[in-house]
Amino acid sequence: MDSDFDLGEVVLFELPISEFAQRLLFELQEDRLAWLYRREETGSLFVAATLRAEGEDLAALLRKVQAWVTSFGLSYVPFELDGRRYELQATEESVASQAA
């Protein structure tokens, strides 16, 4: 994680291709500061999104991205928060419909 970011205020969502990153960026910019970020040492592409001061904002952001992940047919999107890496899974309904 770069020291340029305050780790408690930014969530980084890693996307496999630029087109997905652009689409998620467009979605998130509707209600928060968000931008594209490419990690130089790995070339990984991220959408960085700021967290607002409201206590429920992280949950709201993750729900919004989860809905986006589901709508695009992805099974998950890796994300980084507070220097730790996680996976945001698509909703179970989407995974079940893809398996059928």
PDB file of N, CA and C in Angstrom:
ATOM      1  N   MET A   1       0.857  -1.171   0.000  1.00  0.00           N
ATOM      2  CA  MET A   1       0.000   0.000   0.000  1.00  0.00           C
ATOM      3  C   MET A   1       0.899   1.228   0.000  1.00  0.00           C
ATOM      4  N   ASP A   2       0.588   2.204  -0.822  1.00  0.00           N
ATOM      5  CA  ASP A   2       1.386   3.421  -0.899  1.00  0.00           C
ATOM      6  C   ASP A   2       1.125   4.321   0.295  1.00  0.00           C
ATOM      7  N   SER A   3       2.138   5.028   0.723  1.00  0.00           N
ATOM      8  CA  SER A   3       1.988   5.945   1.845  1.00  0.00           C
ATOM      9  C   SER A   3       1.233   7.205   1.453  1.00  0.00           C
ATOM     10  N   ASP A   4       0.949   7.404   0.158  1.00  0.00           N
ATOM     11  CA  ASP A   4       0.191   8.571  -0.291  1.00  0.00           C
ATOM     12  C   ASP A   4      -1.243   8.544   0.213  1.00  0.00           C
ATOM     13  N   PHE A   5      -1.757   7.370   0.545  1.00  0.00           N
ATOM     14  CA  PHE A   5      -3.132   7.228   0.976  1.00  0.00           C
ATOM     15  C   PHE A   5      -3.198   7.145   2.487  1.00  0.00           C
ATOM     16  N   ASP A   6      -4.206   7.796   3.077  1.00  0.00           N
ATOM     17  CA  ASP A   6      -4.529   7.574   4.479  1.00  0.00           C
ATOM     18  C   ASP A   6      -5.363   6.303   4.497  1.00  0.00           C
ATOM     19  N   LEU A   7      -4.829   5.224   5.039  1.00  0.00           N
ATOM     20  CA  LEU A   7      -5.422   3.901   4.899  1.00  0.00           C
ATOM     21  C   LEU A   7      -6.822   3.805   5.469  1.00  0.00           C
ATOM     22  N   GLY A   8      -7.182   4.649   6.404  1.00  0.00           N
ATOM     23  CA  GLY A   8      -8.513   4.586   6.978  1.00  0.00           C
ATOM     24  C   GLY A   8      -9.558   5.328   6.184  1.00  0.00           C
ATOM     25  N   GLU A   9      -9.175   6.027   5.143  1.00  0.00           N
ATOM     26  CA  GLU A   9     -10.113   6.867   4.413  1.00  0.00           C
ATOM     27  C   GLU A   9     -10.345   6.444   2.976  1.00  0.00           C
ATOM     28  N   VAL A  10      -9.593   5.460   2.470  1.00  0.00           N
ATOM     29  CA  VAL A  10      -9.698   5.063   1.072  1.00  0.00           C
ATOM     30  C   VAL A  10      -9.818   3.546   0.978  1.00  0.00           C
ATOM     31  N   VAL A  11     -10.717   3.095   0.104  1.00  0.00           N
ATOM     32  CA  VAL A  11     -10.843   1.676  -0.209  1.00  0.00           C
ATOM     33  C   VAL A  11     -10.390   1.508  -1.655  1.00  0.00           C
ATOM     34  N   LEU A  12      -9.544   0.515  -1.899  1.00  0.00           N
ATOM     35  CA  LEU A  12      -9.051   0.230  -3.245  1.00  0.00           C
ATOM     36  C   LEU A  12      -9.687  -1.045  -3.765  1.00  0.00           C
ATOM     37  N   PHE A  13     -10.403  -0.959  -4.869  1.00  0.00           N
ATOM     38  CA  PHE A  13     -11.032  -2.109  -5.510  1.00  0.00           C
ATOM     39  C   PHE A  13     -10.210  -2.475  -6.740  1.00  0.00           C
ATOM     40  N   GLU A  14      -9.697  -3.705  -6.781  1.00  0.00           N
ATOM     41  CA  GLU A  14      -8.847  -4.138  -7.889  1.00  0.00           C
ATOM     42  C   GLU A  14      -9.700  -4.751  -8.986  1.00  0.00           C
ATOM     43  N   LEU A  15      -9.520  -4.264 -10.207  1.00  0.00           N
ATOM     44  CA  LEU A  15     -10.298  -4.751 -11.343  1.00  0.00           C
ATOM     45  C   LEU A  15      -9.375  -5.399 -12.366  1.00  0.00           C
ATOM     46  N   PRO A  16      -9.849  -6.472 -13.021  1.00  0.00           N
ATOM     47  CA  PRO A  16      -8.990  -7.210 -13.935  1.00  0.00           C
ATOM     48  C   PRO A  16      -8.728  -6.497 -15.263  1.00  0.00           C
ATOM     49  N   ILE A  17      -9.678  -5.663 -15.698  1.00  0.00           N
ATOM     50  CA  ILE A  17      -9.495  -4.970 -16.977  1.00  0.00           C
ATOM     51  C   ILE A  17      -9.938  -3.515 -16.850  1.00  0.00           C
ATOM     52  N   SER A  18      -9.386  -2.692 -17.704  1.00  0.00           N
ATOM     53  CA  SER A  18      -9.633  -1.253 -17.668  1.00  0.00           C
ATOM     54  C   SER A  18     -11.113  -0.909 -17.872  1.00  0.00           C
ATOM     55  N   GLU A  19     -11.791  -1.644 -18.744  1.00  0.00           N
ATOM     56  CA  GLU A  19     -13.206  -1.359 -19.003  1.00  0.00           C
ATOM     57  C   GLU A  19     -14.030  -1.499 -17.719  1.00  0.00           C
ATOM     58  N   PHE A  20     -13.792  -2.550 -16.945  1.00  0.00           N
ATOM     59  CA  PHE A  20     -14.508  -2.725 -15.689  1.00  0.00           C
ATOM     60  C   PHE A  20     -14.169  -1.599 -14.717  1.00  0.00           C
ATOM     61  N   ALA A  21     -12.904  -1.231 -14.669  1.00  0.00           N
ATOM     62  CA  ALA A  21     -12.485  -0.159 -13.761  1.00  0.00           C
ATOM     63  C   ALA A  21     -13.188   1.150 -14.117  1.00  0.00           C
ATOM     64  N   GLN A  22     -13.264   1.461 -15.401  1.00  0.00           N
ATOM     65  CA  GLN A  22     -13.942   2.697 -15.837  1.00  0.00           C
ATOM     66  C   GLN A  22     -15.418   2.675 -15.452  1.00  0.00           C
ATOM     67  N   ARG A  23     -16.054   1.532 -15.602  1.00  0.00           N
ATOM     68  CA  ARG A  23     -17.486   1.437 -15.290  1.00  0.00           C
ATOM     69  C   ARG A  23     -17.745   1.562 -13.790  1.00  0.00           C
ATOM     70  N   LEU A  24     -16.904   0.901 -12.987  1.00  0.00           N
ATOM     71  CA  LEU A  24     -17.080   1.035 -11.539  1.00  0.00           C
ATOM     72  C   LEU A  24     -16.792   2.467 -11.103  1.00  0.00           C
ATOM     73  N   LEU A  25     -15.780   3.073 -11.676  1.00  0.00           N
ATOM     74  CA  LEU A  25     -15.463   4.465 -11.357  1.00  0.00           C
ATOM     75  C   LEU A  25     -16.666   5.359 -11.630  1.00  0.00           C
ATOM     76  N   PHE A  26     -17.276   5.201 -12.784  1.00  0.00           N
ATOM     77  CA  PHE A  26     -18.453   5.999 -13.139  1.00  0.00           C
ATOM     78  C   PHE A  26     -19.565   5.803 -12.109  1.00  0.00           C
ATOM     79  N   GLU A  27     -19.785   4.564 -11.702  1.00  0.00           N
ATOM     80  CA  GLU A  27     -20.825   4.248 -10.711  1.00  0.00           C
ATOM     81  C   GLU A  27     -20.541   4.921  -9.369  1.00  0.00           C
ATOM     82  N   LEU A  28     -19.303   4.846  -8.911  1.00  0.00           N
ATOM     83  CA  LEU A  28     -18.971   5.379  -7.587  1.00  0.00           C
ATOM     84  C   LEU A  28     -18.900   6.896  -7.552  1.00  0.00           C
ATOM     85  N   GLN A  29     -18.556   7.518  -8.670  1.00  0.00           N
ATOM     86  CA  GLN A  29     -18.436   8.977  -8.695  1.00  0.00           C
ATOM     87  C   GLN A  29     -19.774   9.685  -8.562  1.00  0.00           C
ATOM     88  N   GLU A  30     -20.872   8.930  -8.612  1.00  0.00           N
ATOM     89  CA  GLU A  30     -22.194   9.541  -8.427  1.00  0.00           C
ATOM     90  C   GLU A  30     -22.338  10.153  -7.044  1.00  0.00           C
ATOM     91  N   ASP A  31     -21.700   9.549  -6.025  1.00  0.00           N
ATOM     92  CA  ASP A  31     -21.929  10.044  -4.668  1.00  0.00           C
ATOM     93  C   ASP A  31     -20.687  10.110  -3.781  1.00  0.00           C
ATOM     94  N   ARG A  32     -19.484   9.981  -4.386  1.00  0.00           N
ATOM     95  CA  ARG A  32     -18.259  10.089  -3.574  1.00  0.00           C
ATOM     96  C   ARG A  32     -17.074  10.381  -4.486  1.00  0.00           C
ATOM     97  N   LEU A  33     -15.997  10.800  -3.869  1.00  0.00           N
ATOM     98  CA  LEU A  33     -14.760  11.023  -4.600  1.00  0.00           C
ATOM     99  C   LEU A  33     -14.145   9.667  -4.925  1.00  0.00           C
ATOM    100  N   ALA A  34     -13.868   9.429  -6.191  1.00  0.00           N
ATOM    101  CA  ALA A  34     -13.266   8.169  -6.632  1.00  0.00           C
ATOM    102  C   ALA A  34     -12.371   8.455  -7.833  1.00  0.00           C
ATOM    103  N   TRP A  35     -11.352   7.630  -8.019  1.00  0.00           N
ATOM    104  CA  TRP A  35     -10.410   7.819  -9.112  1.00  0.00           C
ATOM    105  C   TRP A  35      -9.744   6.489  -9.434  1.00  0.00           C
ATOM    106  N   LEU A  36      -9.110   6.436 -10.628  1.00  0.00           N
ATOM    107  CA  LEU A  36      -8.344   5.259 -11.023  1.00  0.00           C
ATOM    108  C   LEU A  36      -6.939   5.374 -10.466  1.00  0.00           C
ATOM    109  N   TYR A  37      -6.384   4.239 -10.096  1.00  0.00           N
ATOM    110  CA  TYR A  37      -5.043   4.193  -9.523  1.00  0.00           C
ATOM    111  C   TYR A  37      -4.352   2.931 -10.037  1.00  0.00           C
ATOM    112  N   ARG A  38      -3.165   3.095 -10.609  1.00  0.00           N
ATOM    113  CA  ARG A  38      -2.382   1.957 -11.067  1.00  0.00           C
ATOM    114  C   ARG A  38      -1.139   1.844 -10.195  1.00  0.00           C
ATOM    115  N   ARG A  39      -0.969   0.706  -9.579  1.00  0.00           N
ATOM    116  CA  ARG A  39       0.187   0.456  -8.722  1.00  0.00           C
ATOM    117  C   ARG A  39       1.393   0.184  -9.613  1.00  0.00           C
ATOM    118  N   GLU A  40       2.382   1.059  -9.532  1.00  0.00           N
ATOM    119  CA  GLU A  40       3.528   0.988 -10.437  1.00  0.00           C
ATOM    120  C   GLU A  40       4.294  -0.328 -10.351  1.00  0.00           C
ATOM    121  N   GLU A  41       4.542  -0.798  -9.142  1.00  0.00           N
ATOM    122  CA  GLU A  41       5.389  -1.985  -8.996  1.00  0.00           C
ATOM    123  C   GLU A  41       4.743  -3.263  -9.531  1.00  0.00           C
ATOM    124  N   THR A  42       3.420  -3.348  -9.565  1.00  0.00           N
ATOM    125  CA  THR A  42       2.742  -4.551 -10.042  1.00  0.00           C
ATOM    126  C   THR A  42       1.928  -4.314 -11.308  1.00  0.00           C
ATOM    127  N   GLY A  43       1.600  -3.068 -11.602  1.00  0.00           N
ATOM    128  CA  GLY A  43       0.748  -2.758 -12.735  1.00  0.00           C
ATOM    129  C   GLY A  43      -0.729  -2.989 -12.462  1.00  0.00           C
ATOM    130  N   SER A  44      -1.072  -3.373 -11.239  1.00  0.00           N
ATOM    131  CA  SER A  44      -2.471  -3.635 -10.883  1.00  0.00           C
ATOM    132  C   SER A  44      -3.291  -2.357 -10.986  1.00  0.00           C
ATOM    133  N   LEU A  45      -4.520  -2.500 -11.475  1.00  0.00           N
ATOM    134  CA  LEU A  45      -5.424  -1.363 -11.652  1.00  0.00           C
ATOM    135  C   LEU A  45      -6.484  -1.382 -10.565  1.00  0.00           C
ATOM    136  N   PHE A  46      -6.682  -0.233  -9.941  1.00  0.00           N
ATOM    137  CA  PHE A  46      -7.644  -0.100  -8.842  1.00  0.00           C
ATOM    138  C   PHE A  46      -8.569   1.078  -9.099  1.00  0.00           C
ATOM    139  N   VAL A  47      -9.760   0.974  -8.520  1.00  0.00           N
ATOM    140  CA  VAL A  47     -10.618   2.131  -8.343  1.00  0.00           C
ATOM    141  C   VAL A  47     -10.512   2.482  -6.866  1.00  0.00           C
ATOM    142  N   ALA A  48     -10.046   3.682  -6.585  1.00  0.00           N
ATOM    143  CA  ALA A  48      -9.923   4.172  -5.213  1.00  0.00           C
ATOM    144  C   ALA A  48     -11.171   4.972  -4.892  1.00  0.00           C
ATOM    145  N   ALA A  49     -11.738   4.721  -3.715  1.00  0.00           N
ATOM    146  CA  ALA A  49     -12.956   5.419  -3.296  1.00  0.00           C
ATOM    147  C   ALA A  49     -12.785   5.909  -1.868  1.00  0.00           C
ATOM    148  N   THR A  50     -13.119   7.164  -1.652  1.00  0.00           N
ATOM    149  CA  THR A  50     -13.006   7.725  -0.310  1.00  0.00           C
ATOM    150  C   THR A  50     -14.185   7.303   0.546  1.00  0.00           C
ATOM    151  N   LEU A  51     -13.921   7.248   1.840  1.00  0.00           N
ATOM    152  CA  LEU A  51     -14.974   6.994   2.815  1.00  0.00           C
ATOM    153  C   LEU A  51     -15.387   8.321   3.442  1.00  0.00           C
ATOM    154  N   ARG A  52     -16.682   8.484   3.646  1.00  0.00           N
ATOM    155  CA  ARG A  52     -17.187   9.677   4.302  1.00  0.00           C
ATOM    156  C   ARG A  52     -17.215   9.442   5.812  1.00  0.00           C
ATOM    157  N   ALA A  53     -17.449  10.473   6.561  1.00  0.00           N
ATOM    158  CA  ALA A  53     -17.391  10.411   8.022  1.00  0.00           C
ATOM    159  C   ALA A  53     -18.549   9.629   8.639  1.00  0.00           C
ATOM    160  N   GLU A  54     -19.650   9.461   7.917  1.00  0.00           N
ATOM    161  CA  GLU A  54     -20.792   8.740   8.474  1.00  0.00           C
ATOM    162  C   GLU A  54     -20.385   7.317   8.861  1.00  0.00           C
ATOM    163  N   GLY A  55     -20.865   6.849   9.991  1.00  0.00           N
ATOM    164  CA  GLY A  55     -20.502   5.543  10.506  1.00  0.00           C
ATOM    165  C   GLY A  55     -20.899   4.376   9.616  1.00  0.00           C
ATOM    166  N   GLU A  56     -21.931   4.532   8.825  1.00  0.00           N
ATOM    167  CA  GLU A  56     -22.439   3.451   7.973  1.00  0.00           C
ATOM    168  C   GLU A  56     -21.888   3.512   6.550  1.00  0.00           C
ATOM    169  N   ASP A  57     -20.957   4.439   6.276  1.00  0.00           N
ATOM    170  CA  ASP A  57     -20.525   4.643   4.897  1.00  0.00           C
ATOM    171  C   ASP A  57     -19.776   3.449   4.318  1.00  0.00           C
ATOM    172  N   LEU A  58     -18.922   2.802   5.092  1.00  0.00           N
ATOM    173  CA  LEU A  58     -18.202   1.639   4.563  1.00  0.00           C
ATOM    174  C   LEU A  58     -19.186   0.559   4.142  1.00  0.00           C
ATOM    175  N   ALA A  59     -20.163   0.271   4.975  1.00  0.00           N
ATOM    176  CA  ALA A  59     -21.166  -0.743   4.635  1.00  0.00           C
ATOM    177  C   ALA A  59     -21.927  -0.346   3.372  1.00  0.00           C
ATOM    178  N   ALA A  60     -22.298   0.919   3.256  1.00  0.00           N
ATOM    179  CA  ALA A  60     -23.024   1.387   2.074  1.00  0.00           C
ATOM    180  C   ALA A  60     -22.167   1.242   0.817  1.00  0.00           C
ATOM    181  N   LEU A  61     -20.890   1.595   0.913  1.00  0.00           N
ATOM    182  CA  LEU A  61     -19.978   1.470  -0.229  1.00  0.00           C
ATOM    183  C   LEU A  61     -19.837   0.012  -0.636  1.00  0.00           C
ATOM    184  N   LEU A  62     -19.623  -0.872   0.322  1.00  0.00           N
ATOM    185  CA  LEU A  62     -19.450  -2.287  -0.002  1.00  0.00           C
ATOM    186  C   LEU A  62     -20.718  -2.891  -0.607  1.00  0.00           C
ATOM    187  N   ARG A  63     -21.885  -2.493  -0.121  1.00  0.00           N
ATOM    188  CA  ARG A  63     -23.142  -2.972  -0.714  1.00  0.00           C
ATOM    189  C   ARG A  63     -23.281  -2.493  -2.159  1.00  0.00           C
ATOM    190  N   LYS A  64     -22.919  -1.243  -2.400  1.00  0.00           N
ATOM    191  CA  LYS A  64     -23.022  -0.695  -3.756  1.00  0.00           C
ATOM    192  C   LYS A  64     -22.087  -1.434  -4.706  1.00  0.00           C
ATOM    193  N   VAL A  65     -20.846  -1.670  -4.274  1.00  0.00           N
ATOM    194  CA  VAL A  65     -19.896  -2.374  -5.127  1.00  0.00           C
ATOM    195  C   VAL A  65     -20.321  -3.831  -5.297  1.00  0.00           C
ATOM    196  N   GLN A  66     -20.848  -4.447  -4.256  1.00  0.00           N
ATOM    197  CA  GLN A  66     -21.322  -5.828  -4.377  1.00  0.00           C
ATOM    198  C   GLN A  66     -22.445  -5.921  -5.412  1.00  0.00           C
ATOM    199  N   ALA A  67     -23.356  -4.979  -5.411  1.00  0.00           N
ATOM    200  CA  ALA A  67     -24.428  -4.963  -6.407  1.00  0.00           C
ATOM    201  C   ALA A  67     -23.848  -4.798  -7.810  1.00  0.00           C
ATOM    202  N   TRP A  68     -22.839  -3.953  -7.932  1.00  0.00           N
ATOM    203  CA  TRP A  68     -22.177  -3.751  -9.223  1.00  0.00           C
ATOM    204  C   TRP A  68     -21.487  -5.036  -9.667  1.00  0.00           C
ATOM    205  N   VAL A  69     -20.761  -5.685  -8.776  1.00  0.00           N
ATOM    206  CA  VAL A  69     -20.075  -6.946  -9.076  1.00  0.00           C
ATOM    207  C   VAL A  69     -21.085  -7.975  -9.571  1.00  0.00           C
ATOM    208  N   THR A  70     -22.198  -8.070  -8.888  1.00  0.00           N
ATOM    209  CA  THR A  70     -23.247  -9.021  -9.255  1.00  0.00           C
ATOM    210  C   THR A  70     -23.822  -8.695 -10.623  1.00  0.00           C
ATOM    211  N   SER A  71     -24.099  -7.417 -10.871  1.00  0.00           N
ATOM    212  CA  SER A  71     -24.712  -7.024 -12.146  1.00  0.00           C
ATOM    213  C   SER A  71     -23.783  -7.257 -13.331  1.00  0.00           C
ATOM    214  N   PHE A  72     -22.476  -7.246 -13.122  1.00  0.00           N
ATOM    215  CA  PHE A  72     -21.522  -7.477 -14.201  1.00  0.00           C
ATOM    216  C   PHE A  72     -21.126  -8.945 -14.327  1.00  0.00           C
ATOM    217  N   GLY A  73     -21.729  -9.802 -13.504  1.00  0.00           N
ATOM    218  CA  GLY A  73     -21.469 -11.224 -13.617  1.00  0.00           C
ATOM    219  C   GLY A  73     -20.115 -11.665 -13.090  1.00  0.00           C
ATOM    220  N   LEU A  74     -19.476 -10.821 -12.299  1.00  0.00           N
ATOM    221  CA  LEU A  74     -18.209 -11.212 -11.687  1.00  0.00           C
ATOM    222  C   LEU A  74     -18.505 -12.025 -10.431  1.00  0.00           C
ATOM    223  N   SER A  75     -17.620 -12.934 -10.081  1.00  0.00           N
ATOM    224  CA  SER A  75     -17.847 -13.712  -8.864  1.00  0.00           C
ATOM    225  C   SER A  75     -17.331 -12.980  -7.630  1.00  0.00           C
ATOM    226  N   TYR A  76     -16.301 -12.155  -7.798  1.00  0.00           N
ATOM    227  CA  TYR A  76     -15.777 -11.374  -6.677  1.00  0.00           C
ATOM    228  C   TYR A  76     -14.867 -10.268  -7.203  1.00  0.00           C
ATOM    229  N   VAL A  77     -14.564  -9.308  -6.330  1.00  0.00           N
ATOM    230  CA  VAL A  77     -13.586  -8.264  -6.600  1.00  0.00           C
ATOM    231  C   VAL A  77     -12.707  -8.136  -5.362  1.00  0.00           C
ATOM    232  N   PRO A  78     -11.386  -8.234  -5.535  1.00  0.00           N
ATOM    233  CA  PRO A  78     -10.496  -8.002  -4.397  1.00  0.00           C
ATOM    234  C   PRO A  78     -10.508  -6.522  -4.018  1.00  0.00           C
ATOM    235  N   PHE A  79     -10.387  -6.256  -2.723  1.00  0.00           N
ATOM    236  CA  PHE A  79     -10.264  -4.865  -2.298  1.00  0.00           C
ATOM    237  C   PHE A  79      -9.317  -4.769  -1.118  1.00  0.00           C
ATOM    238  N   GLU A  80      -8.787  -3.582  -0.923  1.00  0.00           N
ATOM    239  CA  GLU A  80      -7.859  -3.317   0.169  1.00  0.00           C
ATOM    240  C   GLU A  80      -8.415  -2.204   1.038  1.00  0.00           C
ATOM    241  N   LEU A  81      -8.314  -2.437   2.350  1.00  0.00           N
ATOM    242  CA  LEU A  81      -8.778  -1.479   3.341  1.00  0.00           C
ATOM    243  C   LEU A  81      -7.866  -1.587   4.549  1.00  0.00           C
ATOM    244  N   ASP A  82      -7.393  -0.468   5.049  1.00  0.00           N
ATOM    245  CA  ASP A  82      -6.506  -0.447   6.217  1.00  0.00           C
ATOM    246  C   ASP A  82      -5.295  -1.345   6.040  1.00  0.00           C
ATOM    247  N   GLY A  83      -4.771  -1.418   4.804  1.00  0.00           N
ATOM    248  CA  GLY A  83      -3.571  -2.205   4.544  1.00  0.00           C
ATOM    249  C   GLY A  83      -3.809  -3.702   4.461  1.00  0.00           C
ATOM    250  N   ARG A  84      -5.060  -4.132   4.504  1.00  0.00           N
ATOM    251  CA  ARG A  84      -5.389  -5.555   4.416  1.00  0.00           C
ATOM    252  C   ARG A  84      -6.168  -5.831   3.139  1.00  0.00           C
ATOM    253  N   ARG A  85      -6.036  -7.042   2.641  1.00  0.00           N
ATOM    254  CA  ARG A  85      -6.691  -7.453   1.396  1.00  0.00           C
ATOM    255  C   ARG A  85      -7.882  -8.362   1.719  1.00  0.00           C
ATOM    256  N   TYR A  86      -8.992  -8.113   1.018  1.00  0.00           N
ATOM    257  CA  TYR A  86     -10.224  -8.871   1.195  1.00  0.00           C
ATOM    258  C   TYR A  86     -10.808  -9.194  -0.183  1.00  0.00           C
ATOM    259  N   GLU A  87     -11.853 -10.026  -0.206  1.00  0.00           N
ATOM    260  CA  GLU A  87     -12.614 -10.285  -1.428  1.00  0.00           C
ATOM    261  C   GLU A  87     -14.075  -9.960  -1.177  1.00  0.00           C
ATOM    262  N   LEU A  88     -14.637  -9.166  -2.060  1.00  0.00           N
ATOM    263  CA  LEU A  88     -16.060  -8.848  -2.004  1.00  0.00           C
ATOM    264  C   LEU A  88     -16.766  -9.778  -2.979  1.00  0.00           C
ATOM    265  N   GLN A  89     -17.552 -10.701  -2.454  1.00  0.00           N
ATOM    266  CA  GLN A  89     -18.221 -11.724  -3.264  1.00  0.00           C
ATOM    267  C   GLN A  89     -19.518 -11.189  -3.862  1.00  0.00           C
ATOM    268  N   ALA A  90     -19.868 -11.707  -5.039  1.00  0.00           N
ATOM    269  CA  ALA A  90     -21.174 -11.420  -5.625  1.00  0.00           C
ATOM    270  C   ALA A  90     -22.239 -12.024  -4.722  1.00  0.00           C
ATOM    271  N   THR A  91     -23.461 -11.545  -4.864  1.00  0.00           N
ATOM    272  CA  THR A  91     -24.540 -12.116  -4.053  1.00  0.00           C
ATOM    273  C   THR A  91     -24.759 -13.567  -4.445  1.00  0.00           C
ATOM    274  N   GLU A  92     -25.263 -14.352  -3.530  1.00  0.00           N
ATOM    275  CA  GLU A  92     -25.462 -15.782  -3.752  1.00  0.00           C
ATOM    276  C   GLU A  92     -26.423 -16.057  -4.904  1.00  0.00           C
ATOM    277  N   GLU A  93     -27.415 -15.209  -5.089  1.00  0.00           N
ATOM    278  CA  GLU A  93     -28.372 -15.416  -6.169  1.00  0.00           C
ATOM    279  C   GLU A  93     -27.673 -15.384  -7.529  1.00  0.00           C
ATOM    280  N   SER A  94     -26.709 -14.473  -7.681  1.00  0.00           N
ATOM    281  CA  SER A  94     -25.987 -14.353  -8.932  1.00  0.00           C
ATOM    282  C   SER A  94     -25.106 -15.566  -9.169  1.00  0.00           C
ATOM    283  N   VAL A  95     -24.422 -16.023  -8.152  1.00  0.00           N
ATOM    284  CA  VAL A  95     -23.553 -17.181  -8.279  1.00  0.00           C
ATOM    285  C   VAL A  95     -24.382 -18.414  -8.625  1.00  0.00           C
ATOM    286  N   ALA A  96     -25.541 -18.573  -7.994  1.00  0.00           N
ATOM    287  CA  ALA A  96     -26.406 -19.721  -8.263  1.00  0.00           C
ATOM    288  C   ALA A  96     -26.945 -19.691  -9.714  1.00  0.00           C
ATOM    289  N   SER A  97     -27.305 -18.518 -10.188  1.00  0.00           N
ATOM    290  CA  SER A  97     -27.852 -18.432 -11.554  1.00  0.00           C
ATOM    291  C   SER A  97     -26.777 -18.694 -12.601  1.00  0.00           C
ATOM    292  N   GLN A  98     -25.518 -18.346 -12.304  1.00  0.00           N
ATOM    293  CA  GLN A  98     -24.429 -18.628 -13.245  1.00  0.00           C
ATOM    294  C   GLN A  98     -24.117 -20.108 -13.298  1.00  0.00           C
ATOM    295  N   ALA A  99     -24.308 -20.820 -12.194  1.00  0.00           N
ATOM    296  CA  ALA A  99     -24.014 -22.242 -12.133  1.00  0.00           C
ATOM    297  C   ALA A  99     -25.096 -23.060 -12.852  1.00  0.00           C
ATOM    298  N   ALA A 100     -26.301 -22.502 -12.934  1.00  0.00           N
ATOM    299  CA  ALA A 100     -27.427 -23.242 -13.536  1.00  0.00           C
ATOM    300  C   ALA A 100     -27.345 -23.294 -15.033  1.00  0.00           C
TER     301      ALA A 100
END
